[in-house]
Amino acid sequence: MLTKNVTIQNTVGLHARPATYFIQKANCFKSSIWIENSDRRANAKSLLGVLSLGIAKGDIISILADGVDEQEAVDALVDLVVKGFND
């Protein structure tokens, strides 16, 4: 299992469109992927799960992956967050 922390930089946090981009990217990988905010964890491939975390600008999230492509999955999702969800 691989874990990386990243700070949400975009103004709206991980809501609506950014969450959709995040989930689409997560679904490109075979690994099981989770996202954590504070003490809550959700499946990173589930829109309802990600939105239920209420992730806002400035929040530090953890991205966790377990599987054959875990390194690629975590790196790609961290890169997406760092780049502001391509907005």
PDB file of N, CA and C in Angstrom:
ATOM      1  N   MET A   1       0.840  -1.180   0.000  1.00  0.00           N
ATOM      2  CA  MET A   1       0.000   0.000   0.000  1.00  0.00           C
ATOM      3  C   MET A   1       0.882   1.240   0.000  1.00  0.00           C
ATOM      4  N   LEU A   2       0.480   2.222  -0.781  1.00  0.00           N
ATOM      5  CA  LEU A   2       1.219   3.465  -0.920  1.00  0.00           C
ATOM      6  C   LEU A   2       0.313   4.632  -0.526  1.00  0.00           C
ATOM      7  N   THR A   3       0.871   5.601   0.205  1.00  0.00           N
ATOM      8  CA  THR A   3       0.112   6.766   0.653  1.00  0.00           C
ATOM      9  C   THR A   3       0.911   8.039   0.414  1.00  0.00           C
ATOM     10  N   LYS A   4       0.228   9.081  -0.072  1.00  0.00           N
ATOM     11  CA  LYS A   4       0.831  10.411  -0.204  1.00  0.00           C
ATOM     12  C   LYS A   4      -0.175  11.452   0.262  1.00  0.00           C
ATOM     13  N   ASN A   5       0.349  12.509   0.877  1.00  0.00           N
ATOM     14  CA  ASN A   5      -0.487  13.625   1.317  1.00  0.00           C
ATOM     15  C   ASN A   5      -0.313  14.782   0.352  1.00  0.00           C
ATOM     16  N   VAL A   6      -1.384  15.528   0.151  1.00  0.00           N
ATOM     17  CA  VAL A   6      -1.355  16.694  -0.734  1.00  0.00           C
ATOM     18  C   VAL A   6      -2.384  17.702  -0.231  1.00  0.00           C
ATOM     19  N   THR A   7      -2.078  18.990  -0.424  1.00  0.00           N
ATOM     20  CA  THR A   7      -2.973  20.066  -0.004  1.00  0.00           C
ATOM     21  C   THR A   7      -3.818  20.521  -1.181  1.00  0.00           C
ATOM     22  N   ILE A   8      -5.109  20.660  -0.951  1.00  0.00           N
ATOM     23  CA  ILE A   8      -6.039  21.136  -1.979  1.00  0.00           C
ATOM     24  C   ILE A   8      -5.810  22.622  -2.194  1.00  0.00           C
ATOM     25  N   GLN A   9      -5.499  23.015  -3.438  1.00  0.00           N
ATOM     26  CA  GLN A   9      -5.164  24.394  -3.757  1.00  0.00           C
ATOM     27  C   GLN A   9      -6.283  25.155  -4.465  1.00  0.00           C
ATOM     28  N   ASN A  10      -7.134  24.457  -5.215  1.00  0.00           N
ATOM     29  CA  ASN A  10      -8.130  25.180  -6.002  1.00  0.00           C
ATOM     30  C   ASN A  10      -9.221  25.775  -5.113  1.00  0.00           C
ATOM     31  N   THR A  11      -9.846  26.826  -5.594  1.00  0.00           N
ATOM     32  CA  THR A  11     -10.741  27.638  -4.759  1.00  0.00           C
ATOM     33  C   THR A  11     -11.997  26.915  -4.287  1.00  0.00           C
ATOM     34  N   VAL A  12     -12.524  25.985  -5.060  1.00  0.00           N
ATOM     35  CA  VAL A  12     -13.773  25.320  -4.670  1.00  0.00           C
ATOM     36  C   VAL A  12     -13.546  24.007  -3.935  1.00  0.00           C
ATOM     37  N   GLY A  13     -12.305  23.623  -3.747  1.00  0.00           N
ATOM     38  CA  GLY A  13     -12.029  22.358  -3.080  1.00  0.00           C
ATOM     39  C   GLY A  13     -12.316  21.192  -4.006  1.00  0.00           C
ATOM     40  N   LEU A  14     -12.698  20.081  -3.440  1.00  0.00           N
ATOM     41  CA  LEU A  14     -12.959  18.865  -4.219  1.00  0.00           C
ATOM     42  C   LEU A  14     -14.474  18.659  -4.310  1.00  0.00           C
ATOM     43  N   HIS A  15     -15.115  19.538  -5.069  1.00  0.00           N
ATOM     44  CA  HIS A  15     -16.563  19.495  -5.239  1.00  0.00           C
ATOM     45  C   HIS A  15     -16.895  19.460  -6.720  1.00  0.00           C
ATOM     46  N   ALA A  16     -18.057  18.939  -7.052  1.00  0.00           N
ATOM     47  CA  ALA A  16     -18.617  18.902  -8.400  1.00  0.00           C
ATOM     48  C   ALA A  16     -17.594  18.557  -9.481  1.00  0.00           C
ATOM     49  N   ARG A  17     -17.208  19.522 -10.306  1.00  0.00           N
ATOM     50  CA  ARG A  17     -16.342  19.238 -11.447  1.00  0.00           C
ATOM     51  C   ARG A  17     -14.984  18.684 -11.034  1.00  0.00           C
ATOM     52  N   PRO A  18     -14.275  19.293 -10.072  1.00  0.00           N
ATOM     53  CA  PRO A  18     -12.981  18.715  -9.690  1.00  0.00           C
ATOM     54  C   PRO A  18     -13.108  17.274  -9.174  1.00  0.00           C
ATOM     55  N   ALA A  19     -14.170  16.993  -8.444  1.00  0.00           N
ATOM     56  CA  ALA A  19     -14.377  15.630  -7.945  1.00  0.00           C
ATOM     57  C   ALA A  19     -14.588  14.662  -9.101  1.00  0.00           C
ATOM     58  N   THR A  20     -15.291  15.108 -10.129  1.00  0.00           N
ATOM     59  CA  THR A  20     -15.517  14.265 -11.303  1.00  0.00           C
ATOM     60  C   THR A  20     -14.199  13.955 -12.000  1.00  0.00           C
ATOM     61  N   TYR A  21     -13.341  14.974 -12.170  1.00  0.00           N
ATOM     62  CA  TYR A  21     -12.023  14.738 -12.766  1.00  0.00           C
ATOM     63  C   TYR A  21     -11.214  13.742 -11.937  1.00  0.00           C
ATOM     64  N   PHE A  22     -11.258  13.909 -10.619  1.00  0.00           N
ATOM     65  CA  PHE A  22     -10.520  13.042  -9.705  1.00  0.00           C
ATOM     66  C   PHE A  22     -10.992  11.593  -9.855  1.00  0.00           C
ATOM     67  N   ILE A  23     -12.283  11.394  -9.871  1.00  0.00           N
ATOM     68  CA  ILE A  23     -12.863  10.051  -9.953  1.00  0.00           C
ATOM     69  C   ILE A  23     -12.565   9.403 -11.310  1.00  0.00           C
ATOM     70  N   GLN A  24     -12.675  10.194 -12.377  1.00  0.00           N
ATOM     71  CA  GLN A  24     -12.355   9.659 -13.699  1.00  0.00           C
ATOM     72  C   GLN A  24     -10.908   9.185 -13.766  1.00  0.00           C
ATOM     73  N   LYS A  25     -10.007   9.971 -13.195  1.00  0.00           N
ATOM     74  CA  LYS A  25      -8.588   9.583 -13.180  1.00  0.00           C
ATOM     75  C   LYS A  25      -8.395   8.321 -12.329  1.00  0.00           C
ATOM     76  N   ALA A  26      -9.034   8.265 -11.165  1.00  0.00           N
ATOM     77  CA  ALA A  26      -8.905   7.099 -10.285  1.00  0.00           C
ATOM     78  C   ALA A  26      -9.397   5.823 -10.966  1.00  0.00           C
ATOM     79  N   ASN A  27     -10.436   5.946 -11.771  1.00  0.00           N
ATOM     80  CA  ASN A  27     -11.001   4.781 -12.446  1.00  0.00           C
ATOM     81  C   ASN A  27     -10.138   4.276 -13.595  1.00  0.00           C
ATOM     82  N   CYS A  28      -9.079   4.978 -13.931  1.00  0.00           N
ATOM     83  CA  CYS A  28      -8.142   4.528 -14.969  1.00  0.00           C
ATOM     84  C   CYS A  28      -7.194   3.447 -14.456  1.00  0.00           C
ATOM     85  N   PHE A  29      -7.212   3.209 -13.151  1.00  0.00           N
ATOM     86  CA  PHE A  29      -6.257   2.293 -12.534  1.00  0.00           C
ATOM     87  C   PHE A  29      -6.949   1.063 -11.959  1.00  0.00           C
ATOM     88  N   LYS A  30      -6.219  -0.052 -11.931  1.00  0.00           N
ATOM     89  CA  LYS A  30      -6.748  -1.307 -11.402  1.00  0.00           C
ATOM     90  C   LYS A  30      -6.699  -1.355  -9.881  1.00  0.00           C
ATOM     91  N   SER A  31      -5.798  -0.614  -9.269  1.00  0.00           N
ATOM     92  CA  SER A  31      -5.619  -0.637  -7.811  1.00  0.00           C
ATOM     93  C   SER A  31      -6.868  -0.147  -7.087  1.00  0.00           C
ATOM     94  N   SER A  32      -7.003  -0.590  -5.862  1.00  0.00           N
ATOM     95  CA  SER A  32      -8.007  -0.014  -4.969  1.00  0.00           C
ATOM     96  C   SER A  32      -7.459   1.319  -4.487  1.00  0.00           C
ATOM     97  N   ILE A  33      -8.280   2.367  -4.564  1.00  0.00           N
ATOM     98  CA  ILE A  33      -7.807   3.705  -4.224  1.00  0.00           C
ATOM     99  C   ILE A  33      -8.790   4.339  -3.246  1.00  0.00           C
ATOM    100  N   TRP A  34      -8.231   4.967  -2.203  1.00  0.00           N
ATOM    101  CA  TRP A  34      -9.044   5.667  -1.213  1.00  0.00           C
ATOM    102  C   TRP A  34      -8.531   7.081  -1.045  1.00  0.00           C
ATOM    103  N   ILE A  35      -9.408   7.931  -0.557  1.00  0.00           N
ATOM    104  CA  ILE A  35      -9.042   9.306  -0.238  1.00  0.00           C
ATOM    105  C   ILE A  35      -9.468   9.560   1.200  1.00  0.00           C
ATOM    106  N   GLU A  36      -8.588  10.193   1.965  1.00  0.00           N
ATOM    107  CA  GLU A  36      -8.880  10.486   3.374  1.00  0.00           C
ATOM    108  C   GLU A  36      -8.806  11.979   3.627  1.00  0.00           C
ATOM    109  N   ASN A  37      -9.736  12.463   4.449  1.00  0.00           N
ATOM    110  CA  ASN A  37      -9.743  13.839   4.915  1.00  0.00           C
ATOM    111  C   ASN A  37     -10.019  13.778   6.409  1.00  0.00           C
ATOM    112  N   SER A  38      -9.070  14.237   7.197  1.00  0.00           N
ATOM    113  CA  SER A  38      -9.145  14.109   8.663  1.00  0.00           C
ATOM    114  C   SER A  38      -9.214  12.636   9.007  1.00  0.00           C
ATOM    115  N   ASP A  39     -10.273  12.211   9.670  1.00  0.00           N
ATOM    116  CA  ASP A  39     -10.373  10.810  10.090  1.00  0.00           C
ATOM    117  C   ASP A  39     -11.388  10.033   9.257  1.00  0.00           C
ATOM    118  N   ARG A  40     -11.802  10.598   8.111  1.00  0.00           N
ATOM    119  CA  ARG A  40     -12.801   9.941   7.267  1.00  0.00           C
ATOM    120  C   ARG A  40     -12.163   9.465   5.969  1.00  0.00           C
ATOM    121  N   ARG A  41     -12.598   8.297   5.508  1.00  0.00           N
ATOM    122  CA  ARG A  41     -12.046   7.682   4.300  1.00  0.00           C
ATOM    123  C   ARG A  41     -13.180   7.328   3.353  1.00  0.00           C
ATOM    124  N   ALA A  42     -12.916   7.504   2.041  1.00  0.00           N
ATOM    125  CA  ALA A  42     -13.908   7.143   1.030  1.00  0.00           C
ATOM    126  C   ALA A  42     -13.207   6.499  -0.163  1.00  0.00           C
ATOM    127  N   ASN A  43     -13.970   5.727  -0.898  1.00  0.00           N
ATOM    128  CA  ASN A  43     -13.481   5.123  -2.125  1.00  0.00           C
ATOM    129  C   ASN A  43     -13.272   6.239  -3.139  1.00  0.00           C
ATOM    130  N   ALA A  44     -12.070   6.372  -3.676  1.00  0.00           N
ATOM    131  CA  ALA A  44     -11.748   7.447  -4.618  1.00  0.00           C
ATOM    132  C   ALA A  44     -12.398   7.244  -5.977  1.00  0.00           C
ATOM    133  N   LYS A  45     -13.036   6.111  -6.185  1.00  0.00           N
ATOM    134  CA  LYS A  45     -13.710   5.842  -7.454  1.00  0.00           C
ATOM    135  C   LYS A  45     -15.213   6.073  -7.352  1.00  0.00           C
ATOM    136  N   SER A  46     -15.664   6.618  -6.226  1.00  0.00           N
ATOM    137  CA  SER A  46     -17.087   6.851  -5.976  1.00  0.00           C
ATOM    138  C   SER A  46     -17.368   8.340  -5.804  1.00  0.00           C
ATOM    139  N   LEU A  47     -18.220   8.888  -6.664  1.00  0.00           N
ATOM    140  CA  LEU A  47     -18.553  10.305  -6.581  1.00  0.00           C
ATOM    141  C   LEU A  47     -19.196  10.643  -5.243  1.00  0.00           C
ATOM    142  N   LEU A  48     -20.166   9.857  -4.820  1.00  0.00           N
ATOM    143  CA  LEU A  48     -20.812  10.131  -3.527  1.00  0.00           C
ATOM    144  C   LEU A  48     -19.829  10.034  -2.377  1.00  0.00           C
ATOM    145  N   GLY A  49     -18.942   9.068  -2.440  1.00  0.00           N
ATOM    146  CA  GLY A  49     -17.942   8.921  -1.390  1.00  0.00           C
ATOM    147  C   GLY A  49     -17.030  10.124  -1.294  1.00  0.00           C
ATOM    148  N   VAL A  50     -16.514  10.573  -2.429  1.00  0.00           N
ATOM    149  CA  VAL A  50     -15.601  11.716  -2.445  1.00  0.00           C
ATOM    150  C   VAL A  50     -16.324  12.982  -1.998  1.00  0.00           C
ATOM    151  N   LEU A  51     -17.515  13.219  -2.523  1.00  0.00           N
ATOM    152  CA  LEU A  51     -18.263  14.424  -2.145  1.00  0.00           C
ATOM    153  C   LEU A  51     -18.652  14.420  -0.671  1.00  0.00           C
ATOM    154  N   SER A  52     -18.872  13.238  -0.110  1.00  0.00           N
ATOM    155  CA  SER A  52     -19.278  13.152   1.302  1.00  0.00           C
ATOM    156  C   SER A  52     -18.180  13.610   2.265  1.00  0.00           C
ATOM    157  N   LEU A  53     -16.937  13.665   1.786  1.00  0.00           N
ATOM    158  CA  LEU A  53     -15.837  14.093   2.640  1.00  0.00           C
ATOM    159  C   LEU A  53     -15.805  15.611   2.835  1.00  0.00           C
ATOM    160  N   GLY A  54     -16.481  16.357   1.973  1.00  0.00           N
ATOM    161  CA  GLY A  54     -16.534  17.815   2.112  1.00  0.00           C
ATOM    162  C   GLY A  54     -15.168  18.478   2.075  1.00  0.00           C
ATOM    163  N   ILE A  55     -14.346  18.107   1.132  1.00  0.00           N
ATOM    164  CA  ILE A  55     -12.972  18.599   1.056  1.00  0.00           C
ATOM    165  C   ILE A  55     -12.951  20.027   0.511  1.00  0.00           C
ATOM    166  N   ALA A  56     -12.334  20.936   1.262  1.00  0.00           N
ATOM    167  CA  ALA A  56     -12.292  22.351   0.907  1.00  0.00           C
ATOM    168  C   ALA A  56     -10.865  22.801   0.630  1.00  0.00           C
ATOM    169  N   LYS A  57     -10.740  24.004   0.087  1.00  0.00           N
ATOM    170  CA  LYS A  57      -9.425  24.583  -0.171  1.00  0.00           C
ATOM    171  C   LYS A  57      -8.617  24.620   1.122  1.00  0.00           C
ATOM    172  N   GLY A  58      -7.361  24.212   1.036  1.00  0.00           N
ATOM    173  CA  GLY A  58      -6.478  24.207   2.192  1.00  0.00           C
ATOM    174  C   GLY A  58      -6.469  22.908   2.973  1.00  0.00           C
ATOM    175  N   ASP A  59      -7.440  22.034   2.725  1.00  0.00           N
ATOM    176  CA  ASP A  59      -7.456  20.739   3.404  1.00  0.00           C
ATOM    177  C   ASP A  59      -6.284  19.882   2.916  1.00  0.00           C
ATOM    178  N   ILE A  60      -5.700  19.138   3.829  1.00  0.00           N
ATOM    179  CA  ILE A  60      -4.656  18.177   3.471  1.00  0.00           C
ATOM    180  C   ILE A  60      -5.317  16.812   3.391  1.00  0.00           C
ATOM    181  N   ILE A  61      -5.237  16.214   2.213  1.00  0.00           N
ATOM    182  CA  ILE A  61      -5.847  14.900   2.019  1.00  0.00           C
ATOM    183  C   ILE A  61      -4.756  13.852   1.853  1.00  0.00           C
ATOM    184  N   SER A  62      -5.119  12.623   2.120  1.00  0.00           N
ATOM    185  CA  SER A  62      -4.237  11.481   1.865  1.00  0.00           C
ATOM    186  C   SER A  62      -4.838  10.674   0.735  1.00  0.00           C
ATOM    187  N   ILE A  63      -4.002  10.286  -0.200  1.00  0.00           N
ATOM    188  CA  ILE A  63      -4.419   9.405  -1.284  1.00  0.00           C
ATOM    189  C   ILE A  63      -3.706   8.081  -1.076  1.00  0.00           C
ATOM    190  N   LEU A  64      -4.483   7.018  -0.968  1.00  0.00           N
ATOM    191  CA  LEU A  64      -3.949   5.687  -0.688  1.00  0.00           C
ATOM    192  C   LEU A  64      -4.304   4.756  -1.833  1.00  0.00           C
ATOM    193  N   ALA A  65      -3.378   3.904  -2.216  1.00  0.00           N
ATOM    194  CA  ALA A  65      -3.639   2.928  -3.266  1.00  0.00           C
ATOM    195  C   ALA A  65      -2.984   1.603  -2.908  1.00  0.00           C
ATOM    196  N   ASP A  66      -3.646   0.538  -3.322  1.00  0.00           N
ATOM    197  CA  ASP A  66      -3.137  -0.798  -3.076  1.00  0.00           C
ATOM    198  C   ASP A  66      -3.424  -1.647  -4.304  1.00  0.00           C
ATOM    199  N   GLY A  67      -2.375  -2.094  -4.977  1.00  0.00           N
ATOM    200  CA  GLY A  67      -2.572  -2.930  -6.155  1.00  0.00           C
ATOM    201  C   GLY A  67      -1.382  -2.870  -7.089  1.00  0.00           C
ATOM    202  N   VAL A  68      -1.569  -3.426  -8.269  1.00  0.00           N
ATOM    203  CA  VAL A  68      -0.466  -3.579  -9.216  1.00  0.00           C
ATOM    204  C   VAL A  68       0.059  -2.255  -9.760  1.00  0.00           C
ATOM    205  N   ASP A  69      -0.792  -1.246  -9.832  1.00  0.00           N
ATOM    206  CA  ASP A  69      -0.377   0.044 -10.375  1.00  0.00           C
ATOM    207  C   ASP A  69      -0.509   1.168  -9.342  1.00  0.00           C
ATOM    208  N   GLU A  70      -0.289   0.830  -8.068  1.00  0.00           N
ATOM    209  CA  GLU A  70      -0.488   1.802  -6.987  1.00  0.00           C
ATOM    210  C   GLU A  70       0.401   3.031  -7.113  1.00  0.00           C
ATOM    211  N   GLN A  71       1.653   2.854  -7.501  1.00  0.00           N
ATOM    212  CA  GLN A  71       2.560   3.998  -7.636  1.00  0.00           C
ATOM    213  C   GLN A  71       2.063   4.966  -8.708  1.00  0.00           C
ATOM    214  N   GLU A  72       1.693   4.429  -9.851  1.00  0.00           N
ATOM    215  CA  GLU A  72       1.205   5.261 -10.947  1.00  0.00           C
ATOM    216  C   GLU A  72      -0.097   5.964 -10.562  1.00  0.00           C
ATOM    217  N   ALA A  73      -0.970   5.248  -9.865  1.00  0.00           N
ATOM    218  CA  ALA A  73      -2.255   5.810  -9.462  1.00  0.00           C
ATOM    219  C   ALA A  73      -2.073   6.985  -8.506  1.00  0.00           C
ATOM    220  N   VAL A  74      -1.283   6.799  -7.476  1.00  0.00           N
ATOM    221  CA  VAL A  74      -1.067   7.862  -6.496  1.00  0.00           C
ATOM    222  C   VAL A  74      -0.378   9.053  -7.147  1.00  0.00           C
ATOM    223  N   ASP A  75       0.645   8.789  -7.951  1.00  0.00           N
ATOM    224  CA  ASP A  75       1.357   9.886  -8.616  1.00  0.00           C
ATOM    225  C   ASP A  75       0.431  10.691  -9.525  1.00  0.00           C
ATOM    226  N   ALA A  76      -0.414  10.011 -10.288  1.00  0.00           N
ATOM    227  CA  ALA A  76      -1.319  10.702 -11.212  1.00  0.00           C
ATOM    228  C   ALA A  76      -2.356  11.532 -10.461  1.00  0.00           C
ATOM    229  N   LEU A  77      -2.883  11.003  -9.369  1.00  0.00           N
ATOM    230  CA  LEU A  77      -3.892  11.739  -8.606  1.00  0.00           C
ATOM    231  C   LEU A  77      -3.286  12.920  -7.862  1.00  0.00           C
ATOM    232  N   VAL A  78      -2.095  12.746  -7.318  1.00  0.00           N
ATOM    233  CA  VAL A  78      -1.406  13.868  -6.662  1.00  0.00           C
ATOM    234  C   VAL A  78      -1.117  14.957  -7.697  1.00  0.00           C
ATOM    235  N   ASP A  79      -0.664  14.560  -8.869  1.00  0.00           N
ATOM    236  CA  ASP A  79      -0.381  15.520  -9.936  1.00  0.00           C
ATOM    237  C   ASP A  79      -1.640  16.291 -10.334  1.00  0.00           C
ATOM    238  N   LEU A  80      -2.760  15.606 -10.420  1.00  0.00           N
ATOM    239  CA  LEU A  80      -4.029  16.251 -10.752  1.00  0.00           C
ATOM    240  C   LEU A  80      -4.394  17.302  -9.710  1.00  0.00           C
ATOM    241  N   VAL A  81      -4.233  16.966  -8.439  1.00  0.00           N
ATOM    242  CA  VAL A  81      -4.547  17.909  -7.360  1.00  0.00           C
ATOM    243  C   VAL A  81      -3.597  19.105  -7.401  1.00  0.00           C
ATOM    244  N   VAL A  82      -2.309  18.842  -7.563  1.00  0.00           N
ATOM    245  CA  VAL A  82      -1.305  19.908  -7.584  1.00  0.00           C
ATOM    246  C   VAL A  82      -1.562  20.875  -8.739  1.00  0.00           C
ATOM    247  N   LYS A  83      -1.992  20.363  -9.869  1.00  0.00           N
ATOM    248  CA  LYS A  83      -2.254  21.201 -11.040  1.00  0.00           C
ATOM    249  C   LYS A  83      -3.617  21.887 -10.983  1.00  0.00           C
ATOM    250  N   GLY A  84      -4.341  21.750  -9.880  1.00  0.00           N
ATOM    251  CA  GLY A  84      -5.631  22.428  -9.736  1.00  0.00           C
ATOM    252  C   GLY A  84      -6.744  21.818 -10.563  1.00  0.00           C
ATOM    253  N   PHE A  85      -6.688  20.529 -10.805  1.00  0.00           N
ATOM    254  CA  PHE A  85      -7.724  19.796 -11.543  1.00  0.00           C
ATOM    255  C   PHE A  85      -7.899  20.330 -12.959  1.00  0.00           C
ATOM    256  N   ASN A  86      -6.798  20.824 -13.533  1.00  0.00           N
ATOM    257  CA  ASN A  86      -6.779  21.306 -14.911  1.00  0.00           C
ATOM    258  C   ASN A  86      -7.730  22.467 -15.176  1.00  0.00           C
ATOM    259  N   ASP A  87      -8.081  23.184 -14.122  1.00  0.00           N
ATOM    260  CA  ASP A  87      -8.951  24.367 -14.288  1.00  0.00           C
ATOM    261  C   ASP A  87      -8.135  25.582 -14.638  1.00  0.00           C
TER     262      ASP A  87
END
